[in-house]
Amino acid sequence: MTQTDINGFLKRGSMFILSEDQFNKLLVAGGFSATSEPVTLLDIGAGDGEISLRVANTVAELSGNASLRVFATEASWTMRDRLKKLNFNVITEIGGLQNMELILCLNVLDRCFDPFKLLEDIHNTLAPAGRAVIALVLPYMHYVETNSSHLPIRSLLESSNNGRPASFEEEATKFMDLLENCGFKVESWTKAPYLCEGDLHQSFYWLIDLIVVISKKAS
């Protein structure tokens, strides 16, 4: 049982990144516009679903209260049970989905085994006019909970500062360049605190997130 499984069992592990109003402003700045009904939303690594609900409320407001279909993936079985209670469509793979209008990938890229494969999957699943919201904790530090080495198959951001810690601005620029090289266009971004319920050692953890709204580059 992983730490995330334990948090799910204890009804803990909630995260806070942005409020509904802040998500609204970021999505509008990023050019998000629902073009069909039902509006399709996919949250990759949705955790307990609290942020998914917040974004779903924002999307409903932006789309004139159009109906929504919310899909979610989550590695933890206890968190998946919590997502099902929210009536989300909990799936194991995103490969079968197409033309998703909004995809969330919040603080997952630095926790997965193959971040570049995940970015490729997001690109393939996103609708031509859709938007994806990517959050990444900076300074970048990768940790994979589900394998013995806790290391990814390939690091998302390579260190190239001769041992000098990179600034937020340097890492943010490097990450946004990487997204562009993966076939995305950066539409808007922000810097925000990331709060997470803690454990026996600390009640809450607080980190700094880079949150980016991206679209597919025109082919």
N, C-alpha and C. Protein backbone atom coordinates (compact mmCIF):
# COMPACT_ATOMS: atom_id res chain seq x y z
N MET A 1 0.85 -1.20 0.00
CA MET A 1 0.00 0.00 0.00
C MET A 1 0.89 1.25 0.00
N THR A 2 0.65 2.15 -0.94
CA THR A 2 1.46 3.36 -1.04
C THR A 2 0.95 4.44 -0.09
N GLN A 3 1.74 5.51 0.05
CA GLN A 3 1.33 6.64 0.88
C GLN A 3 0.03 7.24 0.36
N THR A 4 -0.13 7.30 -0.96
CA THR A 4 -1.37 7.84 -1.54
C THR A 4 -2.55 6.94 -1.22
N ASP A 5 -2.36 5.61 -1.26
CA ASP A 5 -3.42 4.68 -0.87
C ASP A 5 -3.86 4.94 0.57
N ILE A 6 -2.88 5.13 1.45
CA ILE A 6 -3.19 5.38 2.86
C ILE A 6 -3.96 6.68 3.01
N ASN A 7 -3.53 7.73 2.31
CA ASN A 7 -4.25 9.01 2.36
C ASN A 7 -5.69 8.84 1.89
N GLY A 8 -5.88 8.07 0.82
CA GLY A 8 -7.23 7.85 0.33
C GLY A 8 -8.08 7.10 1.32
N PHE A 9 -7.51 6.10 1.98
CA PHE A 9 -8.22 5.31 2.98
C PHE A 9 -8.63 6.18 4.17
N LEU A 10 -7.75 7.13 4.55
CA LEU A 10 -8.01 8.00 5.69
C LEU A 10 -8.78 9.26 5.32
N LYS A 11 -9.23 9.34 4.05
CA LYS A 11 -9.95 10.52 3.56
C LYS A 11 -9.09 11.78 3.67
N ARG A 12 -7.81 11.61 3.39
CA ARG A 12 -6.87 12.73 3.38
C ARG A 12 -6.26 12.85 1.99
N GLY A 13 -5.31 13.77 1.84
CA GLY A 13 -4.60 13.90 0.58
C GLY A 13 -5.17 14.95 -0.36
N SER A 14 -6.07 15.80 0.15
CA SER A 14 -6.63 16.85 -0.71
C SER A 14 -5.57 17.89 -1.06
N MET A 15 -5.72 18.49 -2.25
CA MET A 15 -4.79 19.50 -2.72
C MET A 15 -5.55 20.79 -3.02
N PHE A 16 -4.84 21.89 -2.97
CA PHE A 16 -5.40 23.17 -3.42
C PHE A 16 -4.37 23.85 -4.30
N ILE A 17 -4.81 24.24 -5.51
CA ILE A 17 -3.91 24.95 -6.42
C ILE A 17 -4.48 26.33 -6.73
N LEU A 18 -5.67 26.39 -7.34
CA LEU A 18 -6.30 27.65 -7.68
C LEU A 18 -7.77 27.59 -7.28
N SER A 19 -8.36 28.75 -7.02
CA SER A 19 -9.80 28.82 -6.76
C SER A 19 -10.56 28.72 -8.09
N GLU A 20 -11.88 28.57 -8.01
CA GLU A 20 -12.68 28.52 -9.24
C GLU A 20 -12.52 29.81 -10.04
N ASP A 21 -12.51 30.94 -9.35
CA ASP A 21 -12.36 32.22 -10.05
C ASP A 21 -10.99 32.32 -10.72
N GLN A 22 -9.96 31.83 -10.05
CA GLN A 22 -8.61 31.87 -10.64
C GLN A 22 -8.49 30.92 -11.83
N PHE A 23 -9.09 29.72 -11.73
CA PHE A 23 -9.12 28.82 -12.88
C PHE A 23 -9.87 29.47 -14.04
N ASN A 24 -10.96 30.15 -13.73
CA ASN A 24 -11.74 30.83 -14.76
C ASN A 24 -10.87 31.83 -15.52
N LYS A 25 -10.16 32.67 -14.79
CA LYS A 25 -9.33 33.69 -15.43
C LYS A 25 -8.21 33.06 -16.26
N LEU A 26 -7.60 31.99 -15.73
CA LEU A 26 -6.51 31.34 -16.45
C LEU A 26 -7.00 30.68 -17.73
N LEU A 27 -8.16 30.02 -17.66
CA LEU A 27 -8.70 29.36 -18.86
C LEU A 27 -9.13 30.37 -19.91
N VAL A 28 -9.76 31.46 -19.46
CA VAL A 28 -10.17 32.51 -20.41
C VAL A 28 -8.94 33.12 -21.08
N ALA A 29 -7.90 33.40 -20.29
CA ALA A 29 -6.66 33.95 -20.85
C ALA A 29 -6.02 32.96 -21.83
N GLY A 30 -6.24 31.67 -21.58
CA GLY A 30 -5.68 30.64 -22.45
C GLY A 30 -6.54 30.30 -23.65
N GLY A 31 -7.67 31.01 -23.81
CA GLY A 31 -8.50 30.82 -25.00
C GLY A 31 -9.43 29.62 -24.95
N PHE A 32 -9.70 29.09 -23.74
CA PHE A 32 -10.59 27.93 -23.65
C PHE A 32 -12.01 28.33 -24.01
N SER A 33 -12.65 27.52 -24.85
CA SER A 33 -14.04 27.74 -25.23
C SER A 33 -14.67 26.39 -25.54
N ALA A 34 -15.72 26.04 -24.81
CA ALA A 34 -16.41 24.77 -25.04
C ALA A 34 -17.16 24.85 -26.36
N THR A 35 -16.92 23.87 -27.23
CA THR A 35 -17.51 23.92 -28.57
C THR A 35 -18.55 22.84 -28.82
N SER A 36 -18.77 21.96 -27.86
CA SER A 36 -19.75 20.90 -28.05
C SER A 36 -20.45 20.60 -26.74
N GLU A 37 -21.52 19.83 -26.82
CA GLU A 37 -22.22 19.40 -25.62
C GLU A 37 -22.53 17.92 -25.74
N PRO A 38 -22.19 17.10 -24.74
CA PRO A 38 -21.60 17.52 -23.47
C PRO A 38 -20.13 17.93 -23.61
N VAL A 39 -19.70 18.83 -22.73
CA VAL A 39 -18.30 19.23 -22.68
C VAL A 39 -17.51 18.09 -22.02
N THR A 40 -16.39 17.72 -22.62
CA THR A 40 -15.61 16.60 -22.10
C THR A 40 -14.37 17.10 -21.35
N LEU A 41 -14.20 16.58 -20.14
CA LEU A 41 -13.10 16.95 -19.26
C LEU A 41 -12.40 15.69 -18.78
N LEU A 42 -11.09 15.66 -18.90
CA LEU A 42 -10.29 14.53 -18.42
C LEU A 42 -9.28 15.05 -17.40
N ASP A 43 -9.27 14.43 -16.21
CA ASP A 43 -8.28 14.76 -15.19
C ASP A 43 -7.37 13.55 -15.00
N ILE A 44 -6.10 13.73 -15.35
CA ILE A 44 -5.10 12.66 -15.25
C ILE A 44 -4.46 12.71 -13.86
N GLY A 45 -4.56 11.60 -13.12
CA GLY A 45 -4.06 11.59 -11.75
C GLY A 45 -4.89 12.49 -10.87
N ALA A 46 -6.20 12.23 -10.83
CA ALA A 46 -7.16 13.15 -10.23
C ALA A 46 -7.17 13.16 -8.71
N GLY A 47 -6.48 12.22 -8.07
CA GLY A 47 -6.48 12.20 -6.61
C GLY A 47 -7.86 11.97 -6.05
N ASP A 48 -8.28 12.82 -5.11
CA ASP A 48 -9.60 12.66 -4.50
C ASP A 48 -10.70 13.38 -5.28
N GLY A 49 -10.34 14.07 -6.36
CA GLY A 49 -11.33 14.70 -7.22
C GLY A 49 -11.75 16.10 -6.83
N GLU A 50 -11.19 16.64 -5.76
CA GLU A 50 -11.61 17.97 -5.31
C GLU A 50 -11.27 19.05 -6.34
N ILE A 51 -10.08 18.98 -6.92
CA ILE A 51 -9.71 19.97 -7.95
C ILE A 51 -10.53 19.72 -9.21
N SER A 52 -10.78 18.47 -9.54
CA SER A 52 -11.61 18.15 -10.71
C SER A 52 -12.97 18.81 -10.59
N LEU A 53 -13.57 18.73 -9.40
CA LEU A 53 -14.88 19.35 -9.17
C LEU A 53 -14.81 20.87 -9.34
N ARG A 54 -13.73 21.45 -8.82
CA ARG A 54 -13.58 22.91 -8.91
C ARG A 54 -13.48 23.34 -10.37
N VAL A 55 -12.70 22.62 -11.15
CA VAL A 55 -12.56 22.96 -12.56
C VAL A 55 -13.86 22.67 -13.31
N ALA A 56 -14.54 21.59 -12.97
CA ALA A 56 -15.82 21.28 -13.62
C ALA A 56 -16.83 22.40 -13.39
N ASN A 57 -16.86 22.95 -12.19
CA ASN A 57 -17.75 24.08 -11.91
C ASN A 57 -17.38 25.29 -12.75
N THR A 58 -16.08 25.51 -12.91
CA THR A 58 -15.61 26.63 -13.74
C THR A 58 -16.01 26.43 -15.20
N VAL A 59 -15.82 25.21 -15.70
CA VAL A 59 -16.17 24.92 -17.10
C VAL A 59 -17.67 25.06 -17.32
N ALA A 60 -18.46 24.61 -16.35
CA ALA A 60 -19.92 24.75 -16.47
C ALA A 60 -20.31 26.22 -16.57
N GLU A 61 -19.66 27.05 -15.78
CA GLU A 61 -19.95 28.49 -15.83
C GLU A 61 -19.54 29.10 -17.16
N LEU A 62 -18.36 28.71 -17.67
CA LEU A 62 -17.88 29.26 -18.93
C LEU A 62 -18.70 28.79 -20.13
N SER A 63 -19.32 27.62 -20.01
CA SER A 63 -20.06 27.05 -21.13
C SER A 63 -21.56 27.25 -21.02
N GLY A 64 -21.98 28.16 -20.14
CA GLY A 64 -23.41 28.42 -20.00
C GLY A 64 -24.16 27.25 -19.40
N ASN A 65 -23.49 26.57 -18.44
CA ASN A 65 -24.09 25.41 -17.75
C ASN A 65 -24.44 24.27 -18.70
N ALA A 66 -23.62 24.08 -19.72
CA ALA A 66 -23.78 22.92 -20.59
C ALA A 66 -23.48 21.65 -19.80
N SER A 67 -23.99 20.53 -20.25
CA SER A 67 -23.72 19.27 -19.56
C SER A 67 -22.25 18.89 -19.73
N LEU A 68 -21.72 18.20 -18.72
CA LEU A 68 -20.31 17.81 -18.70
C LEU A 68 -20.19 16.29 -18.58
N ARG A 69 -19.15 15.75 -19.20
CA ARG A 69 -18.73 14.37 -18.97
C ARG A 69 -17.31 14.42 -18.43
N VAL A 70 -17.14 13.98 -17.19
CA VAL A 70 -15.84 14.06 -16.53
C VAL A 70 -15.22 12.68 -16.46
N PHE A 71 -14.03 12.55 -17.05
CA PHE A 71 -13.26 11.31 -16.99
C PHE A 71 -12.06 11.54 -16.06
N ALA A 72 -11.62 10.48 -15.41
CA ALA A 72 -10.49 10.61 -14.49
C ALA A 72 -9.65 9.34 -14.49
N THR A 73 -8.35 9.52 -14.36
CA THR A 73 -7.44 8.40 -14.11
C THR A 73 -6.78 8.61 -12.76
N GLU A 74 -6.42 7.53 -12.11
CA GLU A 74 -5.76 7.62 -10.81
C GLU A 74 -5.11 6.27 -10.49
N ALA A 75 -3.83 6.31 -10.10
CA ALA A 75 -3.10 5.07 -9.82
C ALA A 75 -3.52 4.42 -8.51
N SER A 76 -3.94 5.23 -7.54
CA SER A 76 -4.28 4.70 -6.22
C SER A 76 -5.69 4.12 -6.19
N TRP A 77 -5.83 2.88 -5.71
CA TRP A 77 -7.15 2.23 -5.70
C TRP A 77 -8.10 2.89 -4.71
N THR A 78 -7.57 3.40 -3.59
CA THR A 78 -8.46 4.06 -2.62
C THR A 78 -8.97 5.39 -3.17
N MET A 79 -8.11 6.11 -3.89
CA MET A 79 -8.55 7.35 -4.51
C MET A 79 -9.54 7.08 -5.64
N ARG A 80 -9.35 5.98 -6.39
CA ARG A 80 -10.31 5.63 -7.44
C ARG A 80 -11.70 5.41 -6.85
N ASP A 81 -11.76 4.77 -5.70
CA ASP A 81 -13.06 4.56 -5.04
C ASP A 81 -13.71 5.89 -4.69
N ARG A 82 -12.93 6.86 -4.25
CA ARG A 82 -13.48 8.18 -3.93
C ARG A 82 -13.96 8.89 -5.19
N LEU A 83 -13.24 8.73 -6.29
CA LEU A 83 -13.65 9.36 -7.55
C LEU A 83 -14.97 8.78 -8.06
N LYS A 84 -15.14 7.47 -7.91
CA LYS A 84 -16.39 6.83 -8.36
C LYS A 84 -17.58 7.36 -7.58
N LYS A 85 -17.38 7.70 -6.32
CA LYS A 85 -18.47 8.24 -5.50
C LYS A 85 -18.88 9.63 -5.97
N LEU A 86 -18.01 10.29 -6.74
CA LEU A 86 -18.33 11.60 -7.32
C LEU A 86 -18.98 11.46 -8.70
N ASN A 87 -19.25 10.21 -9.09
CA ASN A 87 -19.87 9.92 -10.40
C ASN A 87 -18.98 10.29 -11.58
N PHE A 88 -17.66 10.25 -11.37
CA PHE A 88 -16.73 10.43 -12.48
C PHE A 88 -16.61 9.11 -13.24
N ASN A 89 -16.30 9.22 -14.52
CA ASN A 89 -15.99 8.05 -15.33
C ASN A 89 -14.52 7.69 -15.09
N VAL A 90 -14.26 6.76 -14.19
CA VAL A 90 -12.89 6.40 -13.83
C VAL A 90 -12.38 5.36 -14.82
N ILE A 91 -11.27 5.69 -15.48
CA ILE A 91 -10.72 4.82 -16.52
C ILE A 91 -9.27 4.48 -16.18
N THR A 92 -8.78 3.38 -16.77
CA THR A 92 -7.40 2.96 -16.50
C THR A 92 -6.41 3.49 -17.52
N GLU A 93 -6.86 3.70 -18.75
CA GLU A 93 -6.00 4.19 -19.82
C GLU A 93 -6.72 5.31 -20.57
N ILE A 94 -5.95 6.30 -21.04
CA ILE A 94 -6.57 7.39 -21.79
C ILE A 94 -6.48 7.18 -23.29
N GLY A 95 -5.85 6.08 -23.71
CA GLY A 95 -5.65 5.84 -25.13
C GLY A 95 -6.93 5.71 -25.92
N GLY A 96 -8.02 5.28 -25.26
CA GLY A 96 -9.28 5.10 -25.97
C GLY A 96 -10.09 6.37 -26.11
N LEU A 97 -9.63 7.46 -25.51
CA LEU A 97 -10.35 8.73 -25.58
C LEU A 97 -9.83 9.58 -26.73
N GLN A 98 -10.73 10.38 -27.30
CA GLN A 98 -10.35 11.30 -28.37
C GLN A 98 -11.09 12.61 -28.21
N ASN A 99 -10.50 13.67 -28.74
CA ASN A 99 -11.14 14.98 -28.83
C ASN A 99 -11.66 15.49 -27.49
N MET A 100 -10.85 15.33 -26.45
CA MET A 100 -11.21 15.90 -25.15
C MET A 100 -11.02 17.41 -25.21
N GLU A 101 -12.02 18.14 -24.75
CA GLU A 101 -11.96 19.60 -24.84
C GLU A 101 -11.07 20.23 -23.77
N LEU A 102 -10.98 19.56 -22.62
CA LEU A 102 -10.11 20.08 -21.56
C LEU A 102 -9.46 18.89 -20.84
N ILE A 103 -8.14 18.94 -20.73
CA ILE A 103 -7.39 17.91 -20.03
C ILE A 103 -6.60 18.57 -18.90
N LEU A 104 -6.70 17.98 -17.71
CA LEU A 104 -5.92 18.43 -16.56
C LEU A 104 -4.82 17.42 -16.28
N CYS A 105 -3.62 17.92 -16.04
CA CYS A 105 -2.50 17.07 -15.63
C CYS A 105 -1.74 17.88 -14.57
N LEU A 106 -2.21 17.79 -13.34
CA LEU A 106 -1.77 18.68 -12.28
C LEU A 106 -0.84 17.95 -11.32
N ASN A 107 0.43 18.32 -11.37
CA ASN A 107 1.45 17.74 -10.49
C ASN A 107 1.55 16.22 -10.66
N VAL A 108 1.52 15.79 -11.91
CA VAL A 108 1.62 14.37 -12.25
C VAL A 108 2.89 14.09 -13.05
N LEU A 109 3.29 15.01 -13.91
CA LEU A 109 4.45 14.76 -14.78
C LEU A 109 5.71 14.43 -13.98
N ASP A 110 5.87 15.03 -12.81
CA ASP A 110 7.07 14.76 -12.00
C ASP A 110 6.86 13.60 -11.04
N ARG A 111 5.75 12.87 -11.22
CA ARG A 111 5.47 11.71 -10.37
C ARG A 111 5.22 10.44 -11.19
N CYS A 112 5.34 10.53 -12.50
CA CYS A 112 5.06 9.36 -13.34
C CYS A 112 6.37 8.77 -13.89
N PHE A 113 6.29 7.52 -14.33
CA PHE A 113 7.48 6.79 -14.78
C PHE A 113 8.00 7.31 -16.11
N ASP A 114 7.09 7.71 -17.01
CA ASP A 114 7.50 8.15 -18.35
C ASP A 114 6.77 9.44 -18.71
N PRO A 115 7.29 10.59 -18.28
CA PRO A 115 6.59 11.85 -18.52
C PRO A 115 6.44 12.21 -19.99
N PHE A 116 7.39 11.81 -20.81
CA PHE A 116 7.30 12.15 -22.24
C PHE A 116 6.21 11.35 -22.93
N LYS A 117 6.02 10.10 -22.51
CA LYS A 117 4.91 9.31 -23.04
C LYS A 117 3.58 9.92 -22.62
N LEU A 118 3.50 10.42 -21.40
CA LEU A 118 2.27 11.05 -20.94
C LEU A 118 1.96 12.31 -21.74
N LEU A 119 2.97 13.12 -22.04
CA LEU A 119 2.76 14.30 -22.87
C LEU A 119 2.29 13.91 -24.27
N GLU A 120 2.84 12.83 -24.80
CA GLU A 120 2.40 12.34 -26.11
C GLU A 120 0.94 11.90 -26.06
N ASP A 121 0.56 11.20 -24.98
CA ASP A 121 -0.83 10.77 -24.83
C ASP A 121 -1.78 11.96 -24.73
N ILE A 122 -1.36 13.00 -24.00
CA ILE A 122 -2.18 14.20 -23.89
C ILE A 122 -2.37 14.84 -25.26
N HIS A 123 -1.30 14.92 -26.03
CA HIS A 123 -1.38 15.51 -27.37
C HIS A 123 -2.33 14.72 -28.25
N ASN A 124 -2.27 13.39 -28.18
CA ASN A 124 -3.13 12.55 -29.01
C ASN A 124 -4.60 12.60 -28.60
N THR A 125 -4.85 12.85 -27.32
CA THR A 125 -6.21 12.81 -26.78
C THR A 125 -6.91 14.16 -26.87
N LEU A 126 -6.15 15.24 -26.95
CA LEU A 126 -6.71 16.59 -26.94
C LEU A 126 -7.39 16.92 -28.27
N ALA A 127 -8.55 17.56 -28.18
CA ALA A 127 -9.26 18.02 -29.38
C ALA A 127 -8.43 19.10 -30.08
N PRO A 128 -8.60 19.26 -31.41
CA PRO A 128 -7.82 20.26 -32.15
C PRO A 128 -7.91 21.66 -31.56
N ALA A 129 -9.09 22.03 -31.05
CA ALA A 129 -9.26 23.36 -30.46
C ALA A 129 -9.31 23.30 -28.94
N GLY A 130 -8.94 22.15 -28.37
CA GLY A 130 -9.01 21.97 -26.92
C GLY A 130 -7.85 22.62 -26.20
N ARG A 131 -7.91 22.54 -24.88
CA ARG A 131 -6.85 23.08 -24.03
C ARG A 131 -6.48 22.04 -22.97
N ALA A 132 -5.21 22.03 -22.60
CA ALA A 132 -4.74 21.21 -21.48
C ALA A 132 -4.12 22.14 -20.44
N VAL A 133 -4.32 21.80 -19.19
CA VAL A 133 -3.73 22.56 -18.08
C VAL A 133 -2.70 21.67 -17.40
N ILE A 134 -1.45 22.10 -17.44
CA ILE A 134 -0.35 21.33 -16.87
C ILE A 134 0.21 22.09 -15.68
N ALA A 135 0.32 21.42 -14.52
CA ALA A 135 0.96 22.01 -13.35
C ALA A 135 2.21 21.22 -13.02
N LEU A 136 3.28 21.93 -12.72
CA LEU A 136 4.56 21.29 -12.38
C LEU A 136 5.18 22.03 -11.20
N VAL A 137 5.54 21.29 -10.16
CA VAL A 137 6.20 21.89 -9.00
C VAL A 137 7.62 22.27 -9.38
N LEU A 138 7.99 23.49 -9.04
CA LEU A 138 9.36 23.97 -9.22
C LEU A 138 9.91 24.45 -7.88
N PRO A 139 11.15 24.17 -7.51
CA PRO A 139 12.15 23.50 -8.33
C PRO A 139 11.78 22.05 -8.62
N TYR A 140 12.16 21.61 -9.83
CA TYR A 140 11.80 20.28 -10.32
C TYR A 140 12.55 19.20 -9.54
N MET A 141 11.79 18.23 -9.04
CA MET A 141 12.38 17.08 -8.37
C MET A 141 11.48 15.87 -8.62
N HIS A 142 11.95 14.92 -9.39
CA HIS A 142 11.11 13.80 -9.81
C HIS A 142 11.10 12.71 -8.73
N TYR A 143 9.91 12.13 -8.50
CA TYR A 143 9.77 11.02 -7.55
C TYR A 143 8.64 10.12 -8.02
N VAL A 144 8.96 8.86 -8.30
CA VAL A 144 7.95 7.89 -8.73
C VAL A 144 7.61 7.00 -7.53
N GLU A 145 6.36 7.05 -7.11
CA GLU A 145 5.95 6.35 -5.89
C GLU A 145 5.87 4.84 -6.09
N THR A 146 5.63 4.41 -7.33
CA THR A 146 5.23 3.02 -7.56
C THR A 146 6.34 2.10 -8.06
N ASN A 147 7.60 2.56 -8.13
CA ASN A 147 8.67 1.63 -8.48
C ASN A 147 9.78 1.68 -7.43
N SER A 148 10.64 0.69 -7.43
CA SER A 148 11.61 0.54 -6.35
C SER A 148 12.70 1.61 -6.37
N SER A 149 13.07 2.08 -7.55
CA SER A 149 14.12 3.11 -7.65
C SER A 149 13.58 4.51 -7.41
N HIS A 150 12.27 4.67 -7.56
CA HIS A 150 11.59 5.97 -7.44
C HIS A 150 12.07 6.97 -8.49
N LEU A 151 12.64 6.45 -9.59
CA LEU A 151 13.16 7.31 -10.65
C LEU A 151 12.37 7.09 -11.94
N PRO A 152 12.25 8.13 -12.78
CA PRO A 152 11.57 7.98 -14.07
C PRO A 152 12.48 7.32 -15.10
N ILE A 153 11.88 6.89 -16.20
CA ILE A 153 12.68 6.31 -17.28
C ILE A 153 13.56 7.39 -17.91
N ARG A 154 13.10 8.64 -17.86
CA ARG A 154 13.87 9.77 -18.37
C ARG A 154 13.40 11.03 -17.66
N SER A 155 14.34 11.81 -17.16
CA SER A 155 13.97 13.03 -16.45
C SER A 155 13.31 14.04 -17.38
N LEU A 156 12.35 14.75 -16.85
CA LEU A 156 11.64 15.75 -17.63
C LEU A 156 12.53 16.95 -17.94
N LEU A 157 13.22 17.44 -16.92
CA LEU A 157 14.12 18.59 -17.08
C LEU A 157 15.52 18.17 -16.67
N GLU A 158 16.45 18.30 -17.58
CA GLU A 158 17.84 17.96 -17.28
C GLU A 158 18.54 19.17 -16.65
N SER A 159 19.38 18.89 -15.67
CA SER A 159 20.13 19.96 -15.03
C SER A 159 21.31 20.35 -15.91
N SER A 160 21.48 21.66 -16.11
CA SER A 160 22.59 22.12 -16.95
C SER A 160 23.16 23.44 -16.42
N ASN A 161 23.21 23.56 -15.09
CA ASN A 161 23.67 24.80 -14.48
C ASN A 161 24.98 24.63 -13.72
N ASN A 162 25.73 23.56 -14.04
CA ASN A 162 27.03 23.33 -13.40
C ASN A 162 26.92 23.30 -11.88
N GLY A 163 25.86 22.64 -11.40
CA GLY A 163 25.68 22.51 -9.97
C GLY A 163 24.97 23.67 -9.31
N ARG A 164 24.75 24.76 -10.02
CA ARG A 164 24.06 25.92 -9.44
C ARG A 164 22.56 25.68 -9.50
N PRO A 165 21.84 25.89 -8.40
CA PRO A 165 20.39 25.72 -8.43
C PRO A 165 19.75 26.67 -9.44
N ALA A 166 18.86 26.14 -10.27
CA ALA A 166 18.18 26.98 -11.26
C ALA A 166 17.10 27.81 -10.59
N SER A 167 16.88 29.00 -11.09
CA SER A 167 15.81 29.86 -10.58
C SER A 167 14.47 29.38 -11.11
N PHE A 168 13.39 29.87 -10.51
CA PHE A 168 12.05 29.53 -11.01
C PHE A 168 11.92 29.93 -12.47
N GLU A 169 12.40 31.13 -12.79
CA GLU A 169 12.26 31.63 -14.16
C GLU A 169 13.02 30.77 -15.16
N GLU A 170 14.21 30.30 -14.78
CA GLU A 170 15.00 29.46 -15.68
C GLU A 170 14.31 28.12 -15.93
N GLU A 171 13.80 27.50 -14.86
CA GLU A 171 13.13 26.21 -15.03
C GLU A 171 11.80 26.36 -15.75
N ALA A 172 11.08 27.45 -15.47
CA ALA A 172 9.81 27.69 -16.15
C ALA A 172 10.03 27.85 -17.65
N THR A 173 11.05 28.61 -18.02
CA THR A 173 11.37 28.80 -19.44
C THR A 173 11.75 27.48 -20.10
N LYS A 174 12.56 26.69 -19.40
CA LYS A 174 12.98 25.39 -19.94
C LYS A 174 11.78 24.47 -20.15
N PHE A 175 10.85 24.47 -19.18
CA PHE A 175 9.68 23.59 -19.30
C PHE A 175 8.76 24.05 -20.43
N MET A 176 8.56 25.34 -20.56
CA MET A 176 7.68 25.82 -21.63
C MET A 176 8.31 25.59 -23.00
N ASP A 177 9.62 25.68 -23.10
CA ASP A 177 10.30 25.32 -24.36
C ASP A 177 10.10 23.84 -24.67
N LEU A 178 10.17 22.99 -23.63
CA LEU A 178 9.95 21.56 -23.81
C LEU A 178 8.54 21.29 -24.34
N LEU A 179 7.54 21.98 -23.78
CA LEU A 179 6.17 21.80 -24.24
C LEU A 179 6.04 22.19 -25.71
N GLU A 180 6.68 23.27 -26.10
CA GLU A 180 6.65 23.69 -27.50
C GLU A 180 7.29 22.62 -28.40
N ASN A 181 8.37 22.03 -27.93
CA ASN A 181 9.04 20.98 -28.71
C ASN A 181 8.23 19.70 -28.79
N CYS A 182 7.27 19.53 -27.88
CA CYS A 182 6.40 18.35 -27.89
C CYS A 182 5.12 18.58 -28.70
N GLY A 183 5.06 19.70 -29.42
CA GLY A 183 3.92 19.94 -30.29
C GLY A 183 2.81 20.78 -29.70
N PHE A 184 3.09 21.44 -28.58
CA PHE A 184 2.09 22.28 -27.93
C PHE A 184 2.43 23.77 -28.11
N LYS A 185 1.42 24.59 -27.91
CA LYS A 185 1.61 26.03 -27.89
C LYS A 185 1.17 26.54 -26.52
N VAL A 186 2.02 27.31 -25.86
CA VAL A 186 1.68 27.87 -24.56
C VAL A 186 0.75 29.06 -24.76
N GLU A 187 -0.44 28.97 -24.15
CA GLU A 187 -1.46 30.02 -24.33
C GLU A 187 -1.50 30.99 -23.15
N SER A 188 -1.30 30.48 -21.94
CA SER A 188 -1.25 31.32 -20.75
C SER A 188 -0.56 30.54 -19.64
N TRP A 189 -0.08 31.25 -18.64
CA TRP A 189 0.56 30.56 -17.51
C TRP A 189 0.51 31.45 -16.28
N THR A 190 0.72 30.81 -15.12
CA THR A 190 0.77 31.56 -13.88
C THR A 190 1.64 30.80 -12.89
N LYS A 191 2.03 31.50 -11.85
CA LYS A 191 2.78 30.92 -10.73
C LYS A 191 1.87 30.97 -9.51
N ALA A 192 1.76 29.85 -8.79
CA ALA A 192 0.80 29.80 -7.69
C ALA A 192 1.29 28.88 -6.59
N PRO A 193 0.86 29.13 -5.34
CA PRO A 193 1.18 28.18 -4.27
C PRO A 193 0.39 26.90 -4.42
N TYR A 194 1.00 25.80 -4.07
CA TYR A 194 0.38 24.49 -4.12
C TYR A 194 0.35 23.94 -2.70
N LEU A 195 -0.85 23.76 -2.17
CA LEU A 195 -1.03 23.29 -0.80
C LEU A 195 -1.54 21.86 -0.83
N CYS A 196 -1.01 21.03 0.06
CA CYS A 196 -1.43 19.63 0.11
C CYS A 196 -1.51 19.18 1.56
N GLU A 197 -2.58 18.45 1.89
CA GLU A 197 -2.69 17.88 3.22
C GLU A 197 -1.48 17.00 3.49
N GLY A 198 -0.96 17.09 4.72
CA GLY A 198 0.28 16.41 5.04
C GLY A 198 0.10 15.03 5.65
N ASP A 199 0.99 14.72 6.59
CA ASP A 199 1.03 13.38 7.17
C ASP A 199 1.30 13.51 8.67
N LEU A 200 1.81 12.43 9.28
CA LEU A 200 2.09 12.46 10.71
C LEU A 200 3.19 13.45 11.06
N HIS A 201 4.04 13.77 10.11
CA HIS A 201 5.17 14.66 10.38
C HIS A 201 4.82 16.13 10.22
N GLN A 202 3.87 16.43 9.35
CA GLN A 202 3.55 17.83 9.05
C GLN A 202 2.11 17.91 8.56
N SER A 203 1.35 18.87 9.09
CA SER A 203 -0.08 18.95 8.78
C SER A 203 -0.33 19.32 7.32
N PHE A 204 0.44 20.28 6.80
CA PHE A 204 0.29 20.71 5.42
C PHE A 204 1.66 20.90 4.79
N TYR A 205 1.72 20.63 3.50
CA TYR A 205 2.92 20.93 2.72
C TYR A 205 2.59 22.04 1.74
N TRP A 206 3.53 22.94 1.52
CA TRP A 206 3.31 24.03 0.57
C TRP A 206 4.51 24.12 -0.38
N LEU A 207 4.18 24.18 -1.65
CA LEU A 207 5.19 24.22 -2.71
C LEU A 207 4.80 25.30 -3.71
N ILE A 208 5.61 25.48 -4.74
CA ILE A 208 5.33 26.47 -5.78
C ILE A 208 5.06 25.75 -7.10
N ASP A 209 3.94 26.07 -7.71
CA ASP A 209 3.53 25.46 -8.98
C ASP A 209 3.68 26.44 -10.14
N LEU A 210 4.15 25.92 -11.26
CA LEU A 210 4.00 26.58 -12.56
C LEU A 210 2.78 25.94 -13.22
N ILE A 211 1.80 26.73 -13.59
CA ILE A 211 0.56 26.21 -14.19
C ILE A 211 0.43 26.81 -15.58
N VAL A 212 0.37 25.93 -16.57
CA VAL A 212 0.42 26.34 -17.98
C VAL A 212 -0.81 25.84 -18.72
N VAL A 213 -1.45 26.71 -19.48
CA VAL A 213 -2.53 26.31 -20.39
C VAL A 213 -1.93 26.18 -21.78
N ILE A 214 -2.11 25.01 -22.39
CA ILE A 214 -1.52 24.75 -23.70
C ILE A 214 -2.57 24.27 -24.69
N SER A 215 -2.27 24.46 -25.96
CA SER A 215 -3.10 23.94 -27.05
C SER A 215 -2.19 23.16 -27.99
N LYS A 216 -2.82 22.46 -28.94
CA LYS A 216 -2.03 21.79 -29.97
C LYS A 216 -1.56 22.81 -31.00
N LYS A 217 -0.31 22.69 -31.41
CA LYS A 217 0.15 23.51 -32.52
C LYS A 217 -0.58 23.10 -33.80
N ALA A 218 -0.88 24.08 -34.62
CA ALA A 218 -1.52 23.77 -35.90
C ALA A 218 -0.57 22.96 -36.76
N SER A 219 -1.08 21.87 -37.34
CA SER A 219 -0.22 21.01 -38.17
C SER A 219 -0.09 21.57 -39.58
